[in-house]
Amino acid sequence: MGSISSLGVGSGIDLQSLVDGLVSAERSVAEAGLNRREVQAAERLSAFGLIKSAVSEFNGALTSLGDIATFQKRTVDTGDSSEVAVSASSDAALGSFTVDVLNTGAAQLLVGSGLVDSNGAALSNTSTNIGGGTLTIGQGTQPSFIVQIDASASSLNDIADAINSADANSGVQASVVNSDAGPSIVLSANDVGVDNEIYVTVSDLDGNDTNAQGLSQLTFDVANIPGSNLTQQTAAANAQINVNGLLVTSTDSNQFSDAIEGITITANEVTSSSVSVSIGNDTSQATEALSTFVDEFNKLVDIIKEVTQVSVGEDAVSSGVLVGDSLVRSIESQLRRTIFTEFKDGQPLGVRNFSDIGVRFEEGGKLSLDTAVLQEKFDGNFDEVARLLAGAEGVDAVTTSTTETTYQLNS
């Protein structure tokens, strides 16, 4: 009997082509299987990417909903008053009080006019030198700052620029005005109140620090106004208000931040009658957080449904790439647990689960939010709603497991 190769030659059969064809067929089957598995793996990876993104957004919504600060915002109602502005932090107690503005604070204004130049002649412009030396300027009990004025650069413009650019300037603004009476320099306090009163002492190059010559023309002492060379155009004044009939004074601004804990009152103008101020719970941020929670829950449900649903057609049945996946089932279980868990510890009837505060299950496993029901619960049981959503034993604690699922998806 001949060998296989000789048989191939003698019989006229193209044995090599037959072998090549068989090998190619086997390779095609293997490659098709590999390609199919590669496509399936890519589809699963893409599906998990969608779920990971949705879970991340959902966890972000849970974090906001479970943040107690979401429930600590305050509303402030001052009616139609523009005379008083009030803000409240989370430390502010709920309730109401009255405010009367007796005085608004005034910032001190000093003017130097009728000045003479370094030769003693009436000053005719803002560019002529008046004389050099050292200015020491202070406000109330604040540290003073020093301004060196060179005799060759001692015009009103030079002096104003030097004061304004001084590194340690505590809050004094200098400006130059060309008035009908001649050039003048103006010093003004940036802030109101007697704590910001300005004083100016001079060390004059001419050796006389108090006369109305040279740089000494700019001296001012509120305790000795007649002996000062600058004129006080506007005296510093403190702001004063009555809070529930009690006098409160601010010596450095028109704001009162320590009259009532957590409350800042700004006196804009003297009131003609008492302004009633009411402090309440701000429910808008909590409502928005719960609405976002519902939206992100529904987005996650949609994505899970998309990658796990089974569709039956006329000729075939198609399945989502993650049908039966244990991780997806775990996420679904945790979502149901979040929604259906009832919290009885310390919670009154009617504020124990999501459905009690207006969150409802709809067709297809999605949620809806009845904001009217939620607001009703806020109005009657605000603290209990806050404890349900952000308390140590509430929804925020239960949803920790959902957050842990994110870590699994990240691995």
Foldseek 3Di string as FASTA:
>chain_A
DDDPVVCCVVVVPPVVVVVVVVVVVVVVVVVVVVVVVVVLVVQVLVLLVLLLVLLVLLVVLLVLLQDLLLFQAKDKDQDPDPQKDKHFGSFFDFDKWKKFWPDFWDKWKWKQAQAAAQVRHGDAAQAGAQAWFKKWKDFAPDHIFIFGGDRVRHGLVSVQVRQVPGPVNPAKHWDWDQDPRGIMIMIIGRWAFRRGDMFMWTDGPVRDGQDRGGPNLQGDDPVCHVSHNIHTPDDGDWIWMAINHRIDIDGTHQWDDPPGDRMIMGRRDGDPDMTMMGMDTDCVSSVVSVQSSLVSVQSSLVSLCQQAPWDDDPVDIDGHSCHPPPLSVVLVVLVVCLQPDFQDVVADPLLTGDVSQAWDADPSRGIDGDVVSNVVCCVPPVVSNSCQSHNPPHSSVSCVVSVVSSVVSVD
